[in-house]
């Protein structure tokens, strides 16, 4: 598995793989437009910490 394919997270809403750059702190799903906070378990393993902001309503 190449490094490019590992530097991605899966959207918790629509399950689309979101490619991200190293050390990125936030990522937005291009399909459903939800922004996520990103944590780094290691330099090549990103993890979604949660939504960047809670939905209003």
PDB file of N, CA and C in Angstrom:
ATOM      1  N   UNK A   1       0.873  -1.190   0.000  1.00  0.00           N
ATOM      2  CA  UNK A   1       0.000   0.000   0.000  1.00  0.00           C
ATOM      3  C   UNK A   1       0.904   1.232   0.000  1.00  0.00           C
ATOM      4  N   UNK A   2       0.692   2.136  -0.921  1.00  0.00           N
ATOM      5  CA  UNK A   2       1.503   3.338  -1.037  1.00  0.00           C
ATOM      6  C   UNK A   2       1.125   4.379  -0.006  1.00  0.00           C
ATOM      7  N   UNK A   3       2.033   5.330   0.205  1.00  0.00           N
ATOM      8  CA  UNK A   3       1.801   6.375   1.202  1.00  0.00           C
ATOM      9  C   UNK A   3       0.592   7.231   0.851  1.00  0.00           C
ATOM     10  N   UNK A   4       0.381   7.500  -0.431  1.00  0.00           N
ATOM     11  CA  UNK A   4      -0.745   8.338  -0.837  1.00  0.00           C
ATOM     12  C   UNK A   4      -2.087   7.739  -0.423  1.00  0.00           C
ATOM     13  N   UNK A   5      -2.236   6.414  -0.542  1.00  0.00           N
ATOM     14  CA  UNK A   5      -3.511   5.799  -0.209  1.00  0.00           C
ATOM     15  C   UNK A   5      -3.751   5.781   1.305  1.00  0.00           C
ATOM     16  N   UNK A   6      -2.683   5.802   2.121  1.00  0.00           N
ATOM     17  CA  UNK A   6      -2.842   5.812   3.573  1.00  0.00           C
ATOM     18  C   UNK A   6      -3.175   7.192   4.098  1.00  0.00           C
ATOM     19  N   UNK A   7      -2.784   8.246   3.396  1.00  0.00           N
ATOM     20  CA  UNK A   7      -3.041   9.596   3.868  1.00  0.00           C
ATOM     21  C   UNK A   7      -4.441  10.031   3.453  1.00  0.00           C
ATOM     22  N   UNK A   8      -5.394   9.338   4.023  1.00  0.00           N
ATOM     23  CA  UNK A   8      -6.803   9.624   3.761  1.00  0.00           C
ATOM     24  C   UNK A   8      -7.600   9.184   4.980  1.00  0.00           C
ATOM     25  N   UNK A   9      -8.734   9.818   5.159  1.00  0.00           N
ATOM     26  CA  UNK A   9      -9.677   9.418   6.199  1.00  0.00           C
ATOM     27  C   UNK A   9     -11.018   9.164   5.534  1.00  0.00           C
ATOM     28  N   UNK A  10     -11.877   8.426   6.203  1.00  0.00           N
ATOM     29  CA  UNK A  10     -13.183   8.115   5.626  1.00  0.00           C
ATOM     30  C   UNK A  10     -14.239   8.980   6.310  1.00  0.00           C
ATOM     31  N   UNK A  11     -15.038   9.674   5.514  1.00  0.00           N
ATOM     32  CA  UNK A  11     -16.108  10.525   6.033  1.00  0.00           C
ATOM     33  C   UNK A  11     -17.062   9.677   6.870  1.00  0.00           C
ATOM     34  N   UNK A  12     -17.388  10.147   8.062  1.00  0.00           N
ATOM     35  CA  UNK A  12     -18.292   9.416   8.956  1.00  0.00           C
ATOM     36  C   UNK A  12     -19.743   9.495   8.497  1.00  0.00           C
ATOM     37  N   UNK A  13     -20.044  10.401   7.573  1.00  0.00           N
ATOM     38  CA  UNK A  13     -21.414  10.561   7.096  1.00  0.00           C
ATOM     39  C   UNK A  13     -21.686   9.760   5.824  1.00  0.00           C
ATOM     40  N   UNK A  14     -20.843   9.933   4.804  1.00  0.00           N
ATOM     41  CA  UNK A  14     -21.101   9.286   3.510  1.00  0.00           C
ATOM     42  C   UNK A  14     -20.057   8.216   3.151  1.00  0.00           C
ATOM     43  N   UNK A  15     -19.028   8.041   3.987  1.00  0.00           N
ATOM     44  CA  UNK A  15     -17.992   7.017   3.833  1.00  0.00           C
ATOM     45  C   UNK A  15     -17.056   7.238   2.645  1.00  0.00           C
ATOM     46  N   UNK A  16     -17.052   8.426   2.063  1.00  0.00           N
ATOM     47  CA  UNK A  16     -16.114   8.755   0.996  1.00  0.00           C
ATOM     48  C   UNK A  16     -14.716   8.882   1.589  1.00  0.00           C
ATOM     49  N   UNK A  17     -13.711   8.363   0.908  1.00  0.00           N
ATOM     50  CA  UNK A  17     -12.327   8.540   1.366  1.00  0.00           C
ATOM     51  C   UNK A  17     -11.883   9.957   1.024  1.00  0.00           C
ATOM     52  N   UNK A  18     -11.404  10.675   2.035  1.00  0.00           N
ATOM     53  CA  UNK A  18     -10.970  12.057   1.873  1.00  0.00           C
ATOM     54  C   UNK A  18      -9.444  12.076   1.926  1.00  0.00           C
ATOM     55  N   UNK A  19      -8.774  12.336   0.808  1.00  0.00           N
ATOM     56  CA  UNK A  19      -7.318  12.412   0.841  1.00  0.00           C
ATOM     57  C   UNK A  19      -6.885  13.678   1.584  1.00  0.00           C
ATOM     58  N   UNK A  20      -5.834  13.565   2.387  1.00  0.00           N
ATOM     59  CA  UNK A  20      -5.343  14.722   3.128  1.00  0.00           C
ATOM     60  C   UNK A  20      -3.828  14.802   3.047  1.00  0.00           C
ATOM     61  N   UNK A  21      -3.313  15.983   3.249  1.00  0.00           N
ATOM     62  CA  UNK A  21      -1.878  16.234   3.246  1.00  0.00           C
ATOM     63  C   UNK A  21      -1.312  15.985   4.644  1.00  0.00           C
ATOM     64  N   UNK A  22      -0.038  15.638   4.752  1.00  0.00           N
ATOM     65  CA  UNK A  22       0.567  15.434   6.069  1.00  0.00           C
ATOM     66  C   UNK A  22       0.405  16.664   6.965  1.00  0.00           C
ATOM     67  N   UNK A  23       0.183  16.415   8.244  1.00  0.00           N
ATOM     68  CA  UNK A  23       0.053  17.431   9.291  1.00  0.00           C
ATOM     69  C   UNK A  23      -1.188  18.310   9.158  1.00  0.00           C
ATOM     70  N   UNK A  24      -2.148  17.905   8.324  1.00  0.00           N
ATOM     71  CA  UNK A  24      -3.392  18.644   8.190  1.00  0.00           C
ATOM     72  C   UNK A  24      -4.177  18.549   9.493  1.00  0.00           C
ATOM     73  N   UNK A  25      -4.752  19.660   9.956  1.00  0.00           N
ATOM     74  CA  UNK A  25      -5.521  19.655  11.196  1.00  0.00           C
ATOM     75  C   UNK A  25      -7.025  19.585  10.951  1.00  0.00           C
ATOM     76  N   UNK A  26      -7.472  19.949   9.743  1.00  0.00           N
ATOM     77  CA  UNK A  26      -8.893  19.902   9.394  1.00  0.00           C
ATOM     78  C   UNK A  26      -9.040  19.432   7.957  1.00  0.00           C
ATOM     79  N   UNK A  27     -10.123  18.702   7.707  1.00  0.00           N
ATOM     80  CA  UNK A  27     -10.415  18.227   6.360  1.00  0.00           C
ATOM     81  C   UNK A  27     -11.918  18.290   6.144  1.00  0.00           C
ATOM     82  N   UNK A  28     -12.322  18.645   4.924  1.00  0.00           N
ATOM     83  CA  UNK A  28     -13.737  18.750   4.585  1.00  0.00           C
ATOM     84  C   UNK A  28     -14.080  17.719   3.529  1.00  0.00           C
ATOM     85  N   UNK A  29     -15.182  17.013   3.739  1.00  0.00           N
ATOM     86  CA  UNK A  29     -15.648  16.032   2.763  1.00  0.00           C
ATOM     87  C   UNK A  29     -16.193  16.775   1.549  1.00  0.00           C
ATOM     88  N   UNK A  30     -15.692  16.464   0.361  1.00  0.00           N
ATOM     89  CA  UNK A  30     -16.191  17.155  -0.830  1.00  0.00           C
ATOM     90  C   UNK A  30     -17.610  16.751  -1.213  1.00  0.00           C
ATOM     91  N   UNK A  31     -18.083  15.609  -0.757  1.00  0.00           N
ATOM     92  CA  UNK A  31     -19.426  15.149  -1.107  1.00  0.00           C
ATOM     93  C   UNK A  31     -20.498  15.766  -0.207  1.00  0.00           C
ATOM     94  N   UNK A  32     -20.309  15.715   1.120  1.00  0.00           N
ATOM     95  CA  UNK A  32     -21.374  16.189   2.016  1.00  0.00           C
ATOM     96  C   UNK A  32     -20.996  17.469   2.773  1.00  0.00           C
ATOM     97  N   UNK A  33     -19.784  17.983   2.533  1.00  0.00           N
ATOM     98  CA  UNK A  33     -19.357  19.287   3.033  1.00  0.00           C
ATOM     99  C   UNK A  33     -19.260  19.359   4.564  1.00  0.00           C
ATOM    100  N   UNK A  34     -18.996  18.242   5.231  1.00  0.00           N
ATOM    101  CA  UNK A  34     -18.786  18.235   6.676  1.00  0.00           C
ATOM    102  C   UNK A  34     -17.293  18.387   6.934  1.00  0.00           C
ATOM    103  N   UNK A  35     -16.941  19.292   7.846  1.00  0.00           N
ATOM    104  CA  UNK A  35     -15.540  19.522   8.182  1.00  0.00           C
ATOM    105  C   UNK A  35     -15.194  18.730   9.442  1.00  0.00           C
ATOM    106  N   UNK A  36     -14.048  18.045   9.414  1.00  0.00           N
ATOM    107  CA  UNK A  36     -13.601  17.212  10.529  1.00  0.00           C
ATOM    108  C   UNK A  36     -12.272  17.712  11.086  1.00  0.00           C
ATOM    109  N   UNK A  37     -12.065  17.503  12.400  1.00  0.00           N
ATOM    110  CA  UNK A  37     -10.770  17.736  13.038  1.00  0.00           C
ATOM    111  C   UNK A  37      -9.951  16.464  12.869  1.00  0.00           C
ATOM    112  N   UNK A  38      -8.686  16.605  12.525  1.00  0.00           N
ATOM    113  CA  UNK A  38      -7.822  15.464  12.254  1.00  0.00           C
ATOM    114  C   UNK A  38      -6.734  15.373  13.318  1.00  0.00           C
ATOM    115  N   UNK A  39      -6.517  14.172  13.852  1.00  0.00           N
ATOM    116  CA  UNK A  39      -5.402  13.880  14.755  1.00  0.00           C
ATOM    117  C   UNK A  39      -4.452  12.945  14.022  1.00  0.00           C
ATOM    118  N   UNK A  40      -3.201  12.953  14.417  1.00  0.00           N
ATOM    119  CA  UNK A  40      -2.205  12.101  13.782  1.00  0.00           C
ATOM    120  C   UNK A  40      -1.685  11.083  14.795  1.00  0.00           C
ATOM    121  N   UNK A  41      -2.030   9.812  14.598  1.00  0.00           N
ATOM    122  CA  UNK A  41      -1.567   8.724  15.446  1.00  0.00           C
ATOM    123  C   UNK A  41      -0.068   8.529  15.249  1.00  0.00           C
ATOM    124  N   UNK A  42       0.362   8.648  14.017  1.00  0.00           N
ATOM    125  CA  UNK A  42       1.771   8.617  13.631  1.00  0.00           C
ATOM    126  C   UNK A  42       1.893   9.507  12.391  1.00  0.00           C
ATOM    127  N   UNK A  43       3.108   9.768  11.912  1.00  0.00           N
ATOM    128  CA  UNK A  43       3.253  10.659  10.748  1.00  0.00           C
ATOM    129  C   UNK A  43       2.536  10.192   9.486  1.00  0.00           C
ATOM    130  N   UNK A  44       2.191   8.908   9.416  1.00  0.00           N
ATOM    131  CA  UNK A  44       1.496   8.412   8.220  1.00  0.00           C
ATOM    132  C   UNK A  44       0.131   7.790   8.533  1.00  0.00           C
ATOM    133  N   UNK A  45      -0.442   8.114   9.716  1.00  0.00           N
ATOM    134  CA  UNK A  45      -1.745   7.560  10.064  1.00  0.00           C
ATOM    135  C   UNK A  45      -2.665   8.625  10.658  1.00  0.00           C
ATOM    136  N   UNK A  46      -3.515   9.251   9.811  1.00  0.00           N
ATOM    137  CA  UNK A  46      -4.467  10.247  10.301  1.00  0.00           C
ATOM    138  C   UNK A  46      -5.703   9.586  10.902  1.00  0.00           C
ATOM    139  N   UNK A  47      -6.386  10.330  11.781  1.00  0.00           N
ATOM    140  CA  UNK A  47      -7.573   9.827  12.447  1.00  0.00           C
ATOM    141  C   UNK A  47      -8.548  10.988  12.627  1.00  0.00           C
ATOM    142  N   UNK A  48      -9.821  10.769  12.354  1.00  0.00           N
ATOM    143  CA  UNK A  48     -10.832  11.806  12.585  1.00  0.00           C
ATOM    144  C   UNK A  48     -11.100  11.894  14.078  1.00  0.00           C
ATOM    145  N   UNK A  49     -10.948  13.090  14.651  1.00  0.00           N
ATOM    146  CA  UNK A  49     -11.229  13.321  16.068  1.00  0.00           C
ATOM    147  C   UNK A  49     -12.690  13.646  16.294  1.00  0.00           C
ATOM    148  N   UNK A  50     -13.320  14.261  15.307  1.00  0.00           N
ATOM    149  CA  UNK A  50     -14.717  14.633  15.422  1.00  0.00           C
ATOM    150  C   UNK A  50     -15.025  15.776  14.476  1.00  0.00           C
ATOM    151  N   UNK A  51     -16.261  16.241  14.481  1.00  0.00           N
ATOM    152  CA  UNK A  51     -16.619  17.357  13.601  1.00  0.00           C
ATOM    153  C   UNK A  51     -15.919  18.633  14.061  1.00  0.00           C
ATOM    154  N   UNK A  52     -15.603  19.499  13.117  1.00  0.00           N
ATOM    155  CA  UNK A  52     -14.922  20.740  13.424  1.00  0.00           C
ATOM    156  C   UNK A  52     -15.845  21.694  14.184  1.00  0.00           C
ATOM    157  N   UNK A  53     -17.126  21.639  13.884  1.00  0.00           N
ATOM    158  CA  UNK A  53     -18.103  22.438  14.632  1.00  0.00           C
ATOM    159  C   UNK A  53     -19.408  21.667  14.667  1.00  0.00           C
ATOM    160  N   UNK A  54     -20.158  21.857  15.721  1.00  0.00           N
ATOM    161  CA  UNK A  54     -21.422  21.142  15.877  1.00  0.00           C
ATOM    162  C   UNK A  54     -22.484  21.764  14.985  1.00  0.00           C
ATOM    163  N   UNK A  55     -23.359  20.948  14.423  1.00  0.00           N
ATOM    164  CA  UNK A  55     -24.444  21.479  13.583  1.00  0.00           C
ATOM    165  C   UNK A  55     -25.375  22.368  14.413  1.00  0.00           C
ATOM    166  N   UNK A  56     -25.817  23.433  13.806  1.00  0.00           N
ATOM    167  CA  UNK A  56     -26.746  24.337  14.484  1.00  0.00           C
ATOM    168  C   UNK A  56     -28.168  23.808  14.325  1.00  0.00           C
ATOM    169  N   UNK A  57     -28.992  24.069  15.330  1.00  0.00           N
ATOM    170  CA  UNK A  57     -30.365  23.663  15.168  1.00  0.00           C
ATOM    171  C   UNK A  57     -31.019  23.117  16.368  1.00  0.00           C
TER     172      UNK A  57
END
